[in-house]
Amino acid sequence: MISYADFDAVDIRVGRIVQAEPFPEARKPAIKLWVDFGGDLGVKKSSAQITVHYQPETLIGRQVLAVVNFPPRQIGKFMSEILVLGVPDAQGEVVLIGPSIDVPPGGKLF
């Protein structure tokens, strides 16, 4: 069991994908994402292993949830600044998590 304070320490925000590109240099198939959280957070980058269900061109404009307070992580020549969240489908492939209704960017999950 964790406390609410433990949960609250993980900063999960909603953002909109504004750019997406294939990431062929990654060890596992991935897509580079640029997610706009608005306000002080602005646009942050992430590498996501989501190539089974998504193509870069279909991701633009989609809202997603991401952890924004992890330290940046170097993935090849790409610096990933956030962790975009998803859940596994029946085969274990990532399905992105996002709001079912359009919401303002930067909103914190609670």
PDB file of N, CA and C in Angstrom:
ATOM      1  N   MET A   1       0.840  -1.180   0.000  1.00  0.00           N
ATOM      2  CA  MET A   1       0.000   0.000   0.000  1.00  0.00           C
ATOM      3  C   MET A   1       0.886   1.244   0.000  1.00  0.00           C
ATOM      4  N   ILE A   2       0.452   2.263  -0.733  1.00  0.00           N
ATOM      5  CA  ILE A   2       1.170   3.534  -0.733  1.00  0.00           C
ATOM      6  C   ILE A   2       0.246   4.609  -0.179  1.00  0.00           C
ATOM      7  N   SER A   3       0.834   5.688   0.226  1.00  0.00           N
ATOM      8  CA  SER A   3       0.027   6.810   0.720  1.00  0.00           C
ATOM      9  C   SER A   3      -0.381   7.695  -0.455  1.00  0.00           C
ATOM     10  N   TYR A   4      -1.352   8.567  -0.219  1.00  0.00           N
ATOM     11  CA  TYR A   4      -1.735   9.529  -1.239  1.00  0.00           C
ATOM     12  C   TYR A   4      -0.551  10.419  -1.603  1.00  0.00           C
ATOM     13  N   ALA A   5       0.275  10.739  -0.625  1.00  0.00           N
ATOM     14  CA  ALA A   5       1.459  11.580  -0.878  1.00  0.00           C
ATOM     15  C   ALA A   5       2.407  10.889  -1.864  1.00  0.00           C
ATOM     16  N   ASP A   6       2.548   9.561  -1.748  1.00  0.00           N
ATOM     17  CA  ASP A   6       3.374   8.812  -2.707  1.00  0.00           C
ATOM     18  C   ASP A   6       2.805   8.960  -4.113  1.00  0.00           C
ATOM     19  N   PHE A   7       1.499   8.761  -4.250  1.00  0.00           N
ATOM     20  CA  PHE A   7       0.837   8.899  -5.548  1.00  0.00           C
ATOM     21  C   PHE A   7       0.982  10.319  -6.085  1.00  0.00           C
ATOM     22  N   ASP A   8       0.772  11.291  -5.225  1.00  0.00           N
ATOM     23  CA  ASP A   8       0.816  12.690  -5.636  1.00  0.00           C
ATOM     24  C   ASP A   8       2.217  13.121  -6.083  1.00  0.00           C
ATOM     25  N   ALA A   9       3.245  12.401  -5.657  1.00  0.00           N
ATOM     26  CA  ALA A   9       4.618  12.731  -6.044  1.00  0.00           C
ATOM     27  C   ALA A   9       4.876  12.429  -7.521  1.00  0.00           C
ATOM     28  N   VAL A  10       4.083  11.535  -8.104  1.00  0.00           N
ATOM     29  CA  VAL A  10       4.216  11.214  -9.527  1.00  0.00           C
ATOM     30  C   VAL A  10       3.365  12.227 -10.289  1.00  0.00           C
ATOM     31  N   ASP A  11       4.012  13.089 -11.064  1.00  0.00           N
ATOM     32  CA  ASP A  11       3.323  14.166 -11.777  1.00  0.00           C
ATOM     33  C   ASP A  11       2.893  13.662 -13.154  1.00  0.00           C
ATOM     34  N   ILE A  12       1.627  13.276 -13.259  1.00  0.00           N
ATOM     35  CA  ILE A  12       1.065  12.770 -14.511  1.00  0.00           C
ATOM     36  C   ILE A  12       0.180  13.857 -15.091  1.00  0.00           C
ATOM     37  N   ARG A  13       0.512  14.265 -16.316  1.00  0.00           N
ATOM     38  CA  ARG A  13      -0.200  15.364 -16.981  1.00  0.00           C
ATOM     39  C   ARG A  13      -0.733  14.923 -18.336  1.00  0.00           C
ATOM     40  N   VAL A  14      -1.719  15.667 -18.817  1.00  0.00           N
ATOM     41  CA  VAL A  14      -2.250  15.439 -20.153  1.00  0.00           C
ATOM     42  C   VAL A  14      -1.575  16.409 -21.114  1.00  0.00           C
ATOM     43  N   GLY A  15      -1.212  15.881 -22.285  1.00  0.00           N
ATOM     44  CA  GLY A  15      -0.617  16.700 -23.328  1.00  0.00           C
ATOM     45  C   GLY A  15      -1.111  16.255 -24.684  1.00  0.00           C
ATOM     46  N   ARG A  16      -0.842  17.071 -25.685  1.00  0.00           N
ATOM     47  CA  ARG A  16      -1.262  16.772 -27.055  1.00  0.00           C
ATOM     48  C   ARG A  16      -0.031  16.510 -27.914  1.00  0.00           C
ATOM     49  N   ILE A  17      -0.047  15.408 -28.641  1.00  0.00           N
ATOM     50  CA  ILE A  17       1.058  15.081 -29.546  1.00  0.00           C
ATOM     51  C   ILE A  17       1.037  16.076 -30.705  1.00  0.00           C
ATOM     52  N   VAL A  18       2.155  16.789 -30.869  1.00  0.00           N
ATOM     53  CA  VAL A  18       2.246  17.802 -31.927  1.00  0.00           C
ATOM     54  C   VAL A  18       3.197  17.376 -33.047  1.00  0.00           C
ATOM     55  N   GLN A  19       4.016  16.386 -32.771  1.00  0.00           N
ATOM     56  CA  GLN A  19       4.948  15.881 -33.778  1.00  0.00           C
ATOM     57  C   GLN A  19       5.250  14.425 -33.446  1.00  0.00           C
ATOM     58  N   ALA A  20       5.379  13.600 -34.477  1.00  0.00           N
ATOM     59  CA  ALA A  20       5.714  12.185 -34.296  1.00  0.00           C
ATOM     60  C   ALA A  20       6.525  11.727 -35.499  1.00  0.00           C
ATOM     61  N   GLU A  21       7.611  10.997 -35.219  1.00  0.00           N
ATOM     62  CA  GLU A  21       8.501  10.515 -36.280  1.00  0.00           C
ATOM     63  C   GLU A  21       8.940   9.084 -35.984  1.00  0.00           C
ATOM     64  N   PRO A  22       9.182   8.303 -37.024  1.00  0.00           N
ATOM     65  CA  PRO A  22       9.752   6.975 -36.792  1.00  0.00           C
ATOM     66  C   PRO A  22      11.104   7.097 -36.093  1.00  0.00           C
ATOM     67  N   PHE A  23      11.467   6.082 -35.328  1.00  0.00           N
ATOM     68  CA  PHE A  23      12.746   6.070 -34.609  1.00  0.00           C
ATOM     69  C   PHE A  23      13.470   4.770 -34.970  1.00  0.00           C
ATOM     70  N   PRO A  24      13.959   4.666 -36.223  1.00  0.00           N
ATOM     71  CA  PRO A  24      14.578   3.416 -36.683  1.00  0.00           C
ATOM     72  C   PRO A  24      15.878   3.073 -35.971  1.00  0.00           C
ATOM     73  N   GLU A  25      16.529   4.056 -35.333  1.00  0.00           N
ATOM     74  CA  GLU A  25      17.795   3.792 -34.644  1.00  0.00           C
ATOM     75  C   GLU A  25      17.591   3.101 -33.285  1.00  0.00           C
ATOM     76  N   ALA A  26      16.378   3.094 -32.783  1.00  0.00           N
ATOM     77  CA  ALA A  26      16.097   2.481 -31.486  1.00  0.00           C
ATOM     78  C   ALA A  26      16.289   0.970 -31.555  1.00  0.00           C
ATOM     79  N   ARG A  27      16.722   0.375 -30.430  1.00  0.00           N
ATOM     80  CA  ARG A  27      16.912  -1.089 -30.390  1.00  0.00           C
ATOM     81  C   ARG A  27      15.613  -1.833 -30.627  1.00  0.00           C
ATOM     82  N   LYS A  28      14.524  -1.349 -30.030  1.00  0.00           N
ATOM     83  CA  LYS A  28      13.196  -1.914 -30.258  1.00  0.00           C
ATOM     84  C   LYS A  28      12.407  -0.895 -31.065  1.00  0.00           C
ATOM     85  N   PRO A  29      11.546  -1.340 -31.972  1.00  0.00           N
ATOM     86  CA  PRO A  29      10.782  -0.392 -32.788  1.00  0.00           C
ATOM     87  C   PRO A  29      10.079   0.656 -31.916  1.00  0.00           C
ATOM     88  N   ALA A  30      10.242   1.920 -32.290  1.00  0.00           N
ATOM     89  CA  ALA A  30       9.696   3.014 -31.489  1.00  0.00           C
ATOM     90  C   ALA A  30       9.326   4.192 -32.380  1.00  0.00           C
ATOM     91  N   ILE A  31       8.617   5.121 -31.763  1.00  0.00           N
ATOM     92  CA  ILE A  31       8.242   6.373 -32.418  1.00  0.00           C
ATOM     93  C   ILE A  31       8.680   7.516 -31.509  1.00  0.00           C
ATOM     94  N   LYS A  32       9.321   8.532 -32.094  1.00  0.00           N
ATOM     95  CA  LYS A  32       9.666   9.745 -31.348  1.00  0.00           C
ATOM     96  C   LYS A  32       8.423  10.613 -31.280  1.00  0.00           C
ATOM     97  N   LEU A  33       8.124  11.098 -30.077  1.00  0.00           N
ATOM     98  CA  LEU A  33       6.954  11.945 -29.870  1.00  0.00           C
ATOM     99  C   LEU A  33       7.361  13.284 -29.279  1.00  0.00           C
ATOM    100  N   TRP A  34       6.695  14.329 -29.704  1.00  0.00           N
ATOM    101  CA  TRP A  34       6.793  15.652 -29.102  1.00  0.00           C
ATOM    102  C   TRP A  34       5.393  15.964 -28.578  1.00  0.00           C
ATOM    103  N   VAL A  35       5.284  16.154 -27.268  1.00  0.00           N
ATOM    104  CA  VAL A  35       3.986  16.329 -26.621  1.00  0.00           C
ATOM    105  C   VAL A  35       3.924  17.718 -25.993  1.00  0.00           C
ATOM    106  N   ASP A  36       2.874  18.467 -26.322  1.00  0.00           N
ATOM    107  CA  ASP A  36       2.699  19.829 -25.807  1.00  0.00           C
ATOM    108  C   ASP A  36       1.790  19.792 -24.576  1.00  0.00           C
ATOM    109  N   PHE A  37       2.358  20.229 -23.435  1.00  0.00           N
ATOM    110  CA  PHE A  37       1.622  20.276 -22.184  1.00  0.00           C
ATOM    111  C   PHE A  37       1.156  21.698 -21.865  1.00  0.00           C
ATOM    112  N   GLY A  38       1.469  22.649 -22.743  1.00  0.00           N
ATOM    113  CA  GLY A  38       1.076  24.033 -22.520  1.00  0.00           C
ATOM    114  C   GLY A  38       1.819  24.646 -21.344  1.00  0.00           C
ATOM    115  N   GLY A  39       1.485  25.874 -21.025  1.00  0.00           N
ATOM    116  CA  GLY A  39       2.028  26.563 -19.855  1.00  0.00           C
ATOM    117  C   GLY A  39       3.527  26.465 -19.709  1.00  0.00           C
ATOM    118  N   ASP A  40       3.985  26.320 -18.464  1.00  0.00           N
ATOM    119  CA  ASP A  40       5.418  26.271 -18.149  1.00  0.00           C
ATOM    120  C   ASP A  40       6.097  25.003 -18.656  1.00  0.00           C
ATOM    121  N   LEU A  41       5.344  23.914 -18.791  1.00  0.00           N
ATOM    122  CA  LEU A  41       5.953  22.659 -19.252  1.00  0.00           C
ATOM    123  C   LEU A  41       6.297  22.709 -20.741  1.00  0.00           C
ATOM    124  N   GLY A  42       5.428  23.282 -21.531  1.00  0.00           N
ATOM    125  CA  GLY A  42       5.665  23.384 -22.971  1.00  0.00           C
ATOM    126  C   GLY A  42       5.740  22.024 -23.642  1.00  0.00           C
ATOM    127  N   VAL A  43       6.574  21.926 -24.672  1.00  0.00           N
ATOM    128  CA  VAL A  43       6.716  20.692 -25.460  1.00  0.00           C
ATOM    129  C   VAL A  43       7.851  19.856 -24.891  1.00  0.00           C
ATOM    130  N   LYS A  44       7.560  18.574 -24.652  1.00  0.00           N
ATOM    131  CA  LYS A  44       8.546  17.611 -24.146  1.00  0.00           C
ATOM    132  C   LYS A  44       8.614  16.433 -25.112  1.00  0.00           C
ATOM    133  N   LYS A  45       9.785  15.771 -25.140  1.00  0.00           N
ATOM    134  CA  LYS A  45      10.027  14.662 -26.067  1.00  0.00           C
ATOM    135  C   LYS A  45       9.966  13.321 -25.349  1.00  0.00           C
ATOM    136  N   SER A  46       9.576  12.295 -26.119  1.00  0.00           N
ATOM    137  CA  SER A  46       9.557  10.936 -25.593  1.00  0.00           C
ATOM    138  C   SER A  46       9.772   9.948 -26.724  1.00  0.00           C
ATOM    139  N   SER A  47      10.339   8.812 -26.387  1.00  0.00           N
ATOM    140  CA  SER A  47      10.431   7.680 -27.303  1.00  0.00           C
ATOM    141  C   SER A  47       9.452   6.637 -26.792  1.00  0.00           C
ATOM    142  N   ALA A  48       8.565   6.167 -27.657  1.00  0.00           N
ATOM    143  CA  ALA A  48       7.533   5.224 -27.231  1.00  0.00           C
ATOM    144  C   ALA A  48       7.512   3.998 -28.142  1.00  0.00           C
ATOM    145  N   GLN A  49       7.486   2.824 -27.535  1.00  0.00           N
ATOM    146  CA  GLN A  49       7.427   1.566 -28.272  1.00  0.00           C
ATOM    147  C   GLN A  49       5.964   1.227 -28.560  1.00  0.00           C
ATOM    148  N   ILE A  50       5.406   1.952 -29.525  1.00  0.00           N
ATOM    149  CA  ILE A  50       3.977   1.866 -29.820  1.00  0.00           C
ATOM    150  C   ILE A  50       3.704   1.567 -31.287  1.00  0.00           C
ATOM    151  N   THR A  51       4.682   0.986 -31.987  1.00  0.00           N
ATOM    152  CA  THR A  51       4.584   0.831 -33.439  1.00  0.00           C
ATOM    153  C   THR A  51       3.574  -0.220 -33.895  1.00  0.00           C
ATOM    154  N   VAL A  52       3.137  -1.101 -33.015  1.00  0.00           N
ATOM    155  CA  VAL A  52       2.170  -2.130 -33.428  1.00  0.00           C
ATOM    156  C   VAL A  52       0.810  -1.507 -33.722  1.00  0.00           C
ATOM    157  N   HIS A  53       0.368  -0.591 -32.875  1.00  0.00           N
ATOM    158  CA  HIS A  53      -0.975  -0.012 -33.024  1.00  0.00           C
ATOM    159  C   HIS A  53      -1.010   1.379 -33.636  1.00  0.00           C
ATOM    160  N   TYR A  54       0.154   2.040 -33.762  1.00  0.00           N
ATOM    161  CA  TYR A  54       0.153   3.439 -34.175  1.00  0.00           C
ATOM    162  C   TYR A  54       1.193   3.709 -35.262  1.00  0.00           C
ATOM    163  N   GLN A  55       0.846   4.627 -36.140  1.00  0.00           N
ATOM    164  CA  GLN A  55       1.762   5.176 -37.139  1.00  0.00           C
ATOM    165  C   GLN A  55       1.965   6.650 -36.784  1.00  0.00           C
ATOM    166  N   PRO A  56       3.160   7.189 -37.012  1.00  0.00           N
ATOM    167  CA  PRO A  56       3.409   8.589 -36.621  1.00  0.00           C
ATOM    168  C   PRO A  56       2.341   9.571 -37.101  1.00  0.00           C
ATOM    169  N   GLU A  57       1.930   9.450 -38.345  1.00  0.00           N
ATOM    170  CA  GLU A  57       0.980  10.424 -38.894  1.00  0.00           C
ATOM    171  C   GLU A  57      -0.402  10.357 -38.242  1.00  0.00           C
ATOM    172  N   THR A  58      -0.754   9.234 -37.633  1.00  0.00           N
ATOM    173  CA  THR A  58      -2.074   9.112 -36.988  1.00  0.00           C
ATOM    174  C   THR A  58      -2.069   9.628 -35.546  1.00  0.00           C
ATOM    175  N   LEU A  59      -0.905   9.949 -35.017  1.00  0.00           N
ATOM    176  CA  LEU A  59      -0.791  10.367 -33.620  1.00  0.00           C
ATOM    177  C   LEU A  59      -0.933  11.871 -33.404  1.00  0.00           C
ATOM    178  N   ILE A  60      -0.716  12.656 -34.453  1.00  0.00           N
ATOM    179  CA  ILE A  60      -0.763  14.115 -34.325  1.00  0.00           C
ATOM    180  C   ILE A  60      -2.156  14.543 -33.857  1.00  0.00           C
ATOM    181  N   GLY A  61      -2.179  15.353 -32.789  1.00  0.00           N
ATOM    182  CA  GLY A  61      -3.439  15.858 -32.250  1.00  0.00           C
ATOM    183  C   GLY A  61      -4.025  15.006 -31.137  1.00  0.00           C
ATOM    184  N   ARG A  62      -3.517  13.803 -30.954  1.00  0.00           N
ATOM    185  CA  ARG A  62      -4.032  12.900 -29.921  1.00  0.00           C
ATOM    186  C   ARG A  62      -3.578  13.360 -28.537  1.00  0.00           C
ATOM    187  N   GLN A  63      -4.484  13.320 -27.572  1.00  0.00           N
ATOM    188  CA  GLN A  63      -4.121  13.631 -26.193  1.00  0.00           C
ATOM    189  C   GLN A  63      -3.682  12.357 -25.480  1.00  0.00           C
ATOM    190  N   VAL A  64      -2.607  12.476 -24.698  1.00  0.00           N
ATOM    191  CA  VAL A  64      -2.049  11.342 -23.965  1.00  0.00           C
ATOM    192  C   VAL A  64      -1.708  11.770 -22.544  1.00  0.00           C
ATOM    193  N   LEU A  65      -1.558  10.782 -21.668  1.00  0.00           N
ATOM    194  CA  LEU A  65      -1.085  11.030 -20.309  1.00  0.00           C
ATOM    195  C   LEU A  65       0.381  10.651 -20.241  1.00  0.00           C
ATOM    196  N   ALA A  66       1.146  11.419 -19.475  1.00  0.00           N
ATOM    197  CA  ALA A  66       2.577  11.162 -19.353  1.00  0.00           C
ATOM    198  C   ALA A  66       3.082  11.585 -17.984  1.00  0.00           C
ATOM    199  N   VAL A  67       4.087  10.863 -17.495  1.00  0.00           N
ATOM    200  CA  VAL A  67       4.803  11.262 -16.286  1.00  0.00           C
ATOM    201  C   VAL A  67       5.802  12.326 -16.725  1.00  0.00           C
ATOM    202  N   VAL A  68       5.725  13.504 -16.099  1.00  0.00           N
ATOM    203  CA  VAL A  68       6.573  14.617 -16.523  1.00  0.00           C
ATOM    204  C   VAL A  68       7.680  14.953 -15.533  1.00  0.00           C
ATOM    205  N   ASN A  69       7.770  14.215 -14.417  1.00  0.00           N
ATOM    206  CA  ASN A  69       8.798  14.555 -13.427  1.00  0.00           C
ATOM    207  C   ASN A  69       9.833  13.446 -13.211  1.00  0.00           C
ATOM    208  N   PHE A  70      10.040  12.608 -14.227  1.00  0.00           N
ATOM    209  CA  PHE A  70      11.186  11.703 -14.224  1.00  0.00           C
ATOM    210  C   PHE A  70      12.385  12.459 -14.795  1.00  0.00           C
ATOM    211  N   PRO A  71      13.613  12.079 -14.426  1.00  0.00           N
ATOM    212  CA  PRO A  71      14.770  12.714 -15.058  1.00  0.00           C
ATOM    213  C   PRO A  71      14.860  12.301 -16.533  1.00  0.00           C
ATOM    214  N   PRO A  72      15.399  13.169 -17.392  1.00  0.00           N
ATOM    215  CA  PRO A  72      15.567  12.815 -18.809  1.00  0.00           C
ATOM    216  C   PRO A  72      16.413  11.550 -18.955  1.00  0.00           C
ATOM    217  N   ARG A  73      16.153  10.812 -20.038  1.00  0.00           N
ATOM    218  CA  ARG A  73      16.868   9.555 -20.294  1.00  0.00           C
ATOM    219  C   ARG A  73      17.329   9.527 -21.744  1.00  0.00           C
ATOM    220  N   GLN A  74      18.613   9.269 -21.938  1.00  0.00           N
ATOM    221  CA  GLN A  74      19.186   9.195 -23.278  1.00  0.00           C
ATOM    222  C   GLN A  74      18.820   7.851 -23.901  1.00  0.00           C
ATOM    223  N   ILE A  75      18.192   7.886 -25.074  1.00  0.00           N
ATOM    224  CA  ILE A  75      17.860   6.678 -25.822  1.00  0.00           C
ATOM    225  C   ILE A  75      18.501   6.837 -27.189  1.00  0.00           C
ATOM    226  N   GLY A  76      19.651   6.199 -27.367  1.00  0.00           N
ATOM    227  CA  GLY A  76      20.427   6.415 -28.588  1.00  0.00           C
ATOM    228  C   GLY A  76      20.845   7.873 -28.652  1.00  0.00           C
ATOM    229  N   LYS A  77      20.574   8.517 -29.774  1.00  0.00           N
ATOM    230  CA  LYS A  77      20.901   9.936 -29.925  1.00  0.00           C
ATOM    231  C   LYS A  77      19.738  10.844 -29.545  1.00  0.00           C
ATOM    232  N   PHE A  78      18.708  10.277 -28.952  1.00  0.00           N
ATOM    233  CA  PHE A  78      17.484  11.016 -28.627  1.00  0.00           C
ATOM    234  C   PHE A  78      17.328  11.119 -27.115  1.00  0.00           C
ATOM    235  N   MET A  79      17.038  12.320 -26.613  1.00  0.00           N
ATOM    236  CA  MET A  79      16.825  12.527 -25.189  1.00  0.00           C
ATOM    237  C   MET A  79      15.328  12.481 -24.888  1.00  0.00           C
ATOM    238  N   SER A  80      14.908  11.464 -24.139  1.00  0.00           N
ATOM    239  CA  SER A  80      13.515  11.314 -23.745  1.00  0.00           C
ATOM    240  C   SER A  80      13.308  12.044 -22.423  1.00  0.00           C
ATOM    241  N   GLU A  81      12.335  12.954 -22.386  1.00  0.00           N
ATOM    242  CA  GLU A  81      12.116  13.806 -21.219  1.00  0.00           C
ATOM    243  C   GLU A  81      10.909  13.399 -20.381  1.00  0.00           C
ATOM    244  N   ILE A  82      10.013  12.605 -20.952  1.00  0.00           N
ATOM    245  CA  ILE A  82       8.783  12.203 -20.275  1.00  0.00           C
ATOM    246  C   ILE A  82       8.531  10.723 -20.537  1.00  0.00           C
ATOM    247  N   LEU A  83       7.622  10.140 -19.763  1.00  0.00           N
ATOM    248  CA  LEU A  83       7.189   8.763 -19.988  1.00  0.00           C
ATOM    249  C   LEU A  83       5.716   8.791 -20.365  1.00  0.00           C
ATOM    250  N   VAL A  84       5.440   8.552 -21.662  1.00  0.00           N
ATOM    251  CA  VAL A  84       4.065   8.489 -22.131  1.00  0.00           C
ATOM    252  C   VAL A  84       3.481   7.161 -21.637  1.00  0.00           C
ATOM    253  N   LEU A  85       2.256   7.207 -21.114  1.00  0.00           N
ATOM    254  CA  LEU A  85       1.673   6.035 -20.462  1.00  0.00           C
ATOM    255  C   LEU A  85       0.754   5.227 -21.381  1.00  0.00           C
ATOM    256  N   GLY A  86       0.769   3.929 -21.161  1.00  0.00           N
ATOM    257  CA  GLY A  86      -0.093   3.020 -21.897  1.00  0.00           C
ATOM    258  C   GLY A  86      -0.346   1.766 -21.089  1.00  0.00           C
ATOM    259  N   VAL A  87      -1.208   0.932 -21.614  1.00  0.00           N
ATOM    260  CA  VAL A  87      -1.513  -0.358 -21.004  1.00  0.00           C
ATOM    261  C   VAL A  87      -1.378  -1.435 -22.079  1.00  0.00           C
ATOM    262  N   PRO A  88      -1.106  -2.691 -21.676  1.00  0.00           N
ATOM    263  CA  PRO A  88      -0.944  -3.747 -22.671  1.00  0.00           C
ATOM    264  C   PRO A  88      -2.284  -4.259 -23.200  1.00  0.00           C
ATOM    265  N   ASP A  89      -2.296  -4.569 -24.507  1.00  0.00           N
ATOM    266  CA  ASP A  89      -3.449  -5.256 -25.077  1.00  0.00           C
ATOM    267  C   ASP A  89      -3.313  -6.754 -24.763  1.00  0.00           C
ATOM    268  N   ALA A  90      -4.144  -7.588 -25.339  1.00  0.00           N
ATOM    269  CA  ALA A  90      -4.122  -9.030 -25.053  1.00  0.00           C
ATOM    270  C   ALA A  90      -2.802  -9.689 -25.452  1.00  0.00           C
ATOM    271  N   GLN A  91      -2.068  -9.090 -26.388  1.00  0.00           N
ATOM    272  CA  GLN A  91      -0.783  -9.629 -26.826  1.00  0.00           C
ATOM    273  C   GLN A  91       0.407  -8.927 -26.155  1.00  0.00           C
ATOM    274  N   GLY A  92       0.129  -8.018 -25.249  1.00  0.00           N
ATOM    275  CA  GLY A  92       1.191  -7.313 -24.539  1.00  0.00           C
ATOM    276  C   GLY A  92       1.702  -6.072 -25.241  1.00  0.00           C
ATOM    277  N   GLU A  93       1.060  -5.658 -26.313  1.00  0.00           N
ATOM    278  CA  GLU A  93       1.479  -4.457 -27.044  1.00  0.00           C
ATOM    279  C   GLU A  93       0.837  -3.213 -26.437  1.00  0.00           C
ATOM    280  N   VAL A  94       1.562  -2.100 -26.484  1.00  0.00           N
ATOM    281  CA  VAL A  94       1.133  -0.876 -25.802  1.00  0.00           C
ATOM    282  C   VAL A  94      -0.042  -0.195 -26.505  1.00  0.00           C
ATOM    283  N   VAL A  95      -1.041   0.163 -25.680  1.00  0.00           N
ATOM    284  CA  VAL A  95      -2.171   0.985 -26.100  1.00  0.00           C
ATOM    285  C   VAL A  95      -2.102   2.259 -25.254  1.00  0.00           C
ATOM    286  N   LEU A  96      -2.033   3.405 -25.912  1.00  0.00           N
ATOM    287  CA  LEU A  96      -1.884   4.684 -25.212  1.00  0.00           C
ATOM    288  C   LEU A  96      -3.090   5.012 -24.335  1.00  0.00           C
ATOM    289  N   ILE A  97      -2.817   5.727 -23.245  1.00  0.00           N
ATOM    290  CA  ILE A  97      -3.869   6.192 -22.342  1.00  0.00           C
ATOM    291  C   ILE A  97      -4.061   7.689 -22.560  1.00  0.00           C
ATOM    292  N   GLY A  98      -5.310   8.096 -22.673  1.00  0.00           N
ATOM    293  CA  GLY A  98      -5.633   9.509 -22.806  1.00  0.00           C
ATOM    294  C   GLY A  98      -7.069   9.745 -22.405  1.00  0.00           C
ATOM    295  N   PRO A  99      -7.449  11.002 -22.228  1.00  0.00           N
ATOM    296  CA  PRO A  99      -8.826  11.303 -21.835  1.00  0.00           C
ATOM    297  C   PRO A  99      -9.806  10.966 -22.958  1.00  0.00           C
ATOM    298  N   SER A 100     -11.031  10.622 -22.589  1.00  0.00           N
ATOM    299  CA  SER A 100     -12.054  10.284 -23.582  1.00  0.00           C
ATOM    300  C   SER A 100     -12.732  11.536 -24.142  1.00  0.00           C
ATOM    301  N   ILE A 101     -12.518  12.665 -23.473  1.00  0.00           N
ATOM    302  CA  ILE A 101     -13.043  13.969 -23.912  1.00  0.00           C
ATOM    303  C   ILE A 101     -11.869  14.932 -23.942  1.00  0.00           C
ATOM    304  N   ASP A 102     -11.833  15.809 -24.964  1.00  0.00           N
ATOM    305  CA  ASP A 102     -10.749  16.774 -25.076  1.00  0.00           C
ATOM    306  C   ASP A 102     -10.699  17.662 -23.831  1.00  0.00           C
ATOM    307  N   VAL A 103      -9.505  17.791 -23.263  1.00  0.00           N
ATOM    308  CA  VAL A 103      -9.306  18.601 -22.046  1.00  0.00           C
ATOM    309  C   VAL A 103      -8.138  19.571 -22.264  1.00  0.00           C
ATOM    310  N   PRO A 104      -8.063  20.631 -21.442  1.00  0.00           N
ATOM    311  CA  PRO A 104      -6.963  21.580 -21.596  1.00  0.00           C
ATOM    312  C   PRO A 104      -5.610  20.901 -21.327  1.00  0.00           C
ATOM    313  N   PRO A 105      -4.579  21.274 -22.080  1.00  0.00           N
ATOM    314  CA  PRO A 105      -3.247  20.688 -21.864  1.00  0.00           C
ATOM    315  C   PRO A 105      -2.692  21.039 -20.498  1.00  0.00           C
ATOM    316  N   GLY A 106      -1.904  20.113 -19.954  1.00  0.00           N
ATOM    317  CA  GLY A 106      -1.231  20.344 -18.683  1.00  0.00           C
ATOM    318  C   GLY A 106      -2.011  19.896 -17.468  1.00  0.00           C
ATOM    319  N   GLY A 107      -3.255  19.463 -17.642  1.00  0.00           N
ATOM    320  CA  GLY A 107      -4.061  19.022 -16.507  1.00  0.00           C
ATOM    321  C   GLY A 107      -3.393  17.849 -15.786  1.00  0.00           C
ATOM    322  N   LYS A 108      -3.378  17.904 -14.460  1.00  0.00           N
ATOM    323  CA  LYS A 108      -2.735  16.870 -13.641  1.00  0.00           C
ATOM    324  C   LYS A 108      -3.740  15.778 -13.301  1.00  0.00           C
ATOM    325  N   LEU A 109      -3.309  14.530 -13.443  1.00  0.00           N
ATOM    326  CA  LEU A 109      -4.132  13.388 -13.066  1.00  0.00           C
ATOM    327  C   LEU A 109      -4.335  13.392 -11.558  1.00  0.00           C
ATOM    328  N   PHE A 110      -5.576  13.182 -11.138  1.00  0.00           N
ATOM    329  CA  PHE A 110      -5.869  13.042  -9.715  1.00  0.00           C
ATOM    330  C   PHE A 110      -6.923  11.992  -9.505  1.00  0.00           C
TER     331      PHE A 110
END
